[in-house]
Amino acid sequence: MQELLRELELPTLLVTHDFEDAASLADKVGVMVEGQLRQLTSTQELVSRPADGFVASFTGANLLSGTARVGANGLTEIVLAGGEIVYSADQAEGPVEVVVYPWEVAVGHHHQPDSAQNVIRGEVRSLVQVSNRVRVRIGPLTAEVTAASVEKLGLEVGSQAVASFKATGTRLVVGRHAA
């Protein structure tokens, strides 16, 4: 369909509730909620700079609500609703949504000393196979890993695991997630 749309060179409006469809077919994507345009831009821009929590959620991101304050070393420290503390390279203060994409999250049994400062420990809540990947839900986060990684780590629903991600792998959007 993408080839046909490009060949015709006609302005075309497609309506979908699926970000992957929108990303594969459109040059620009508009995200509308209750008749209001939240953001109109390229798919790359939607992912790298979502206007708000709803846009980030539409693109497949994890959203973690918390309160941000200035931290050490130029980072922003965010105290999450569950009490965990995470860090972002983005600057903000007050109520925020921490945006983390599943492909930015590493999974293991223990946090290995590396540059990933953000660590969330929790129960594996679900394992969902999607093509050649598996979406692993650990506490409030969903990570995307290979099936081989799930097998190698022996991950099972109900087992304990660690999800980690870098401060540079986060985006902060001000305010709360709105429908």
Protein backbone atom coordinates (compact mmCIF):
# COMPACT_ATOMS: atom_id res chain seq x y z
CA MET A 1 0.00 0.00 0.00
CA GLN A 2 2.89 2.36 0.77
CA GLU A 3 4.17 2.03 -2.81
CA LEU A 4 0.73 2.79 -4.23
CA LEU A 5 0.37 5.90 -2.09
CA ARG A 6 3.79 7.16 -3.20
CA GLU A 7 3.07 6.41 -6.88
CA LEU A 8 -0.22 8.29 -6.83
CA GLU A 9 1.40 11.35 -5.24
CA LEU A 10 -1.99 12.42 -3.92
CA PRO A 11 -2.57 13.87 -0.48
CA THR A 12 -4.10 11.01 1.49
CA LEU A 13 -5.61 10.92 4.94
CA LEU A 14 -5.45 7.55 6.68
CA VAL A 15 -7.13 6.91 10.00
CA THR A 16 -5.77 4.19 12.26
CA HIS A 17 -5.39 3.35 15.91
CA ASP A 18 -2.19 1.41 15.22
CA PHE A 19 1.11 3.28 15.42
CA GLU A 20 2.97 0.65 13.38
CA ASP A 21 0.48 1.10 10.52
CA ALA A 22 0.80 4.87 10.72
CA ALA A 23 4.61 4.71 10.87
CA SER A 24 4.87 2.42 7.85
CA LEU A 25 2.43 4.33 5.64
CA ALA A 26 2.73 8.01 6.49
CA ASP A 27 5.28 10.77 6.04
CA LYS A 28 3.65 12.64 8.90
CA VAL A 29 1.48 11.33 11.71
CA GLY A 30 -1.09 13.33 13.62
CA VAL A 31 -2.23 12.12 17.02
CA MET A 32 -5.76 13.25 17.87
CA VAL A 33 -7.62 12.87 21.15
CA GLU A 34 -11.24 13.93 21.55
CA GLY A 35 -11.02 16.06 18.41
CA GLN A 36 -7.86 17.85 19.52
CA LEU A 37 -4.59 17.47 17.61
CA ARG A 38 -1.91 16.60 20.18
CA GLN A 39 1.02 16.41 17.77
CA LEU A 40 1.64 16.40 14.00
CA THR A 41 5.12 15.42 12.86
CA SER A 42 7.29 12.58 11.54
CA THR A 43 7.20 9.19 13.25
CA GLN A 44 10.81 9.67 14.32
CA GLU A 45 9.91 12.95 16.04
CA LEU A 46 6.89 11.36 17.77
CA VAL A 47 9.18 8.76 19.31
CA SER A 48 12.10 11.05 20.17
CA ARG A 49 10.06 14.04 21.38
CA PRO A 50 6.49 13.09 22.30
CA ALA A 51 4.36 16.13 23.14
CA ASP A 52 2.71 14.39 26.08
CA GLY A 53 2.13 11.05 27.78
CA PHE A 54 -0.70 10.08 25.46
CA VAL A 55 1.49 10.51 22.36
CA ALA A 56 4.29 8.53 24.02
CA SER A 57 1.86 5.76 24.95
CA PHE A 58 0.50 5.67 21.39
CA THR A 59 4.03 5.08 20.08
CA GLY A 60 4.51 2.10 22.41
CA ALA A 61 6.40 3.66 25.31
CA ASN A 62 6.33 2.72 28.97
CA LEU A 63 5.07 5.61 31.09
CA LEU A 64 6.21 5.96 34.68
CA SER A 65 4.61 8.76 36.71
CA GLY A 66 6.72 10.60 39.20
CA THR A 67 8.03 13.85 40.59
CA ALA A 68 11.22 15.32 39.13
CA ARG A 69 13.86 17.42 40.81
CA VAL A 70 17.37 18.57 39.97
CA GLY A 71 19.82 15.78 40.67
CA ALA A 72 23.58 15.36 40.73
CA ASN A 73 25.87 15.38 37.69
CA GLY A 74 23.41 17.32 35.52
CA LEU A 75 20.77 14.59 35.70
CA THR A 76 17.16 14.88 36.76
CA GLU A 77 16.12 12.62 39.62
CA ILE A 78 12.57 11.28 39.47
CA VAL A 79 10.82 9.68 42.43
CA LEU A 80 8.28 7.29 40.93
CA ALA A 81 4.81 6.64 42.33
CA GLY A 82 6.06 3.25 43.65
CA GLY A 83 8.96 4.92 45.52
CA GLU A 84 11.72 3.89 43.09
CA ILE A 85 14.19 6.57 41.98
CA VAL A 86 15.23 6.86 38.34
CA TYR A 87 17.33 9.38 36.45
CA SER A 88 16.99 11.18 33.14
CA ALA A 89 19.30 13.31 31.04
CA ASP A 90 16.25 15.50 30.23
CA GLN A 91 15.66 18.46 32.53
CA ALA A 92 12.37 18.97 34.40
CA GLU A 93 10.93 19.72 37.81
CA GLY A 94 7.58 18.76 39.30
CA PRO A 95 5.10 16.13 38.06
CA VAL A 96 6.39 14.25 35.00
CA GLU A 97 5.93 11.12 32.96
CA VAL A 98 9.14 9.19 32.34
CA VAL A 99 9.02 7.80 28.81
CA VAL A 100 11.04 4.61 28.26
CA TYR A 101 10.73 2.46 25.15
CA PRO A 102 10.80 -1.34 25.53
CA TRP A 103 13.90 -1.66 23.34
CA GLU A 104 15.82 0.59 25.79
CA VAL A 105 15.23 -1.81 28.71
CA ALA A 106 17.69 -4.61 29.53
CA VAL A 107 16.58 -7.64 31.54
CA GLY A 108 18.54 -9.83 33.93
CA HIS A 109 18.52 -11.47 37.33
CA HIS A 110 20.98 -8.99 38.86
CA HIS A 111 22.00 -5.50 37.87
CA GLN A 112 25.41 -5.65 36.26
CA PRO A 113 27.68 -2.66 36.90
CA ASP A 114 27.41 -0.64 33.70
CA SER A 115 26.25 2.79 32.60
CA ALA A 116 22.56 1.98 33.14
CA GLN A 117 21.73 3.87 36.35
CA ASN A 118 18.04 3.05 36.41
CA VAL A 119 17.14 -0.27 37.99
CA ILE A 120 13.69 -1.60 38.74
CA ARG A 121 13.35 -4.95 40.46
CA GLY A 122 10.13 -6.85 40.32
CA GLU A 123 8.10 -9.86 39.43
CA VAL A 124 7.83 -11.03 35.84
CA ARG A 125 4.14 -10.37 35.27
CA SER A 126 3.88 -11.57 31.69
CA LEU A 127 5.81 -12.98 28.73
CA VAL A 128 4.23 -12.29 25.34
CA GLN A 129 5.78 -13.59 22.12
CA VAL A 130 5.58 -11.04 19.27
CA SER A 131 7.22 -12.40 16.12
CA ASN A 132 10.86 -13.17 17.02
CA ARG A 133 10.75 -11.04 20.19
CA VAL A 134 9.25 -11.46 23.62
CA ARG A 135 7.70 -8.64 25.62
CA VAL A 136 8.59 -9.11 29.26
CA ARG A 137 6.59 -7.20 31.86
CA ILE A 138 8.63 -6.56 35.03
CA GLY A 139 6.83 -4.45 37.60
CA PRO A 140 5.71 -1.27 35.80
CA LEU A 141 7.97 -1.79 32.75
CA THR A 142 7.74 -3.74 29.53
CA ALA A 143 11.02 -4.77 27.90
CA GLU A 144 11.54 -6.34 24.50
CA VAL A 145 14.10 -9.14 24.29
CA THR A 146 14.76 -12.15 22.09
CA ALA A 147 13.20 -15.53 22.79
CA ALA A 148 16.75 -16.85 23.21
CA SER A 149 17.33 -14.33 26.03
CA VAL A 150 14.14 -15.41 27.81
CA GLU A 151 15.27 -19.04 27.60
CA LYS A 152 18.88 -18.28 28.62
CA LEU A 153 17.67 -16.30 31.66
CA GLY A 154 15.02 -18.87 32.53
CA LEU A 155 12.38 -16.15 32.83
CA GLU A 156 8.96 -17.34 33.94
CA VAL A 157 5.83 -15.54 35.04
CA GLY A 158 6.12 -15.08 38.80
CA SER A 159 9.93 -15.16 38.90
CA GLN A 160 11.97 -12.15 40.01
CA ALA A 161 13.97 -10.10 37.52
CA VAL A 162 15.71 -6.76 37.09
CA ALA A 163 14.90 -4.21 34.39
CA SER A 164 17.55 -1.57 33.75
CA PHE A 165 17.85 1.39 31.40
CA LYS A 166 20.10 4.38 30.89
CA ALA A 167 19.28 7.95 31.86
CA THR A 168 19.90 8.87 28.21
CA GLY A 169 17.26 6.31 27.17
CA THR A 170 14.48 8.29 28.84
CA ARG A 171 12.36 11.25 27.81
CA LEU A 172 10.45 13.40 30.25
CA VAL A 173 7.05 14.89 29.48
CA VAL A 174 5.52 17.38 31.89
CA GLY A 175 2.20 16.63 33.50
CA ARG A 176 0.20 13.49 33.85
CA HIS A 177 -0.82 10.97 31.18
CA ALA A 178 -4.11 12.15 29.71
CA ALA A 179 -6.57 10.12 27.69
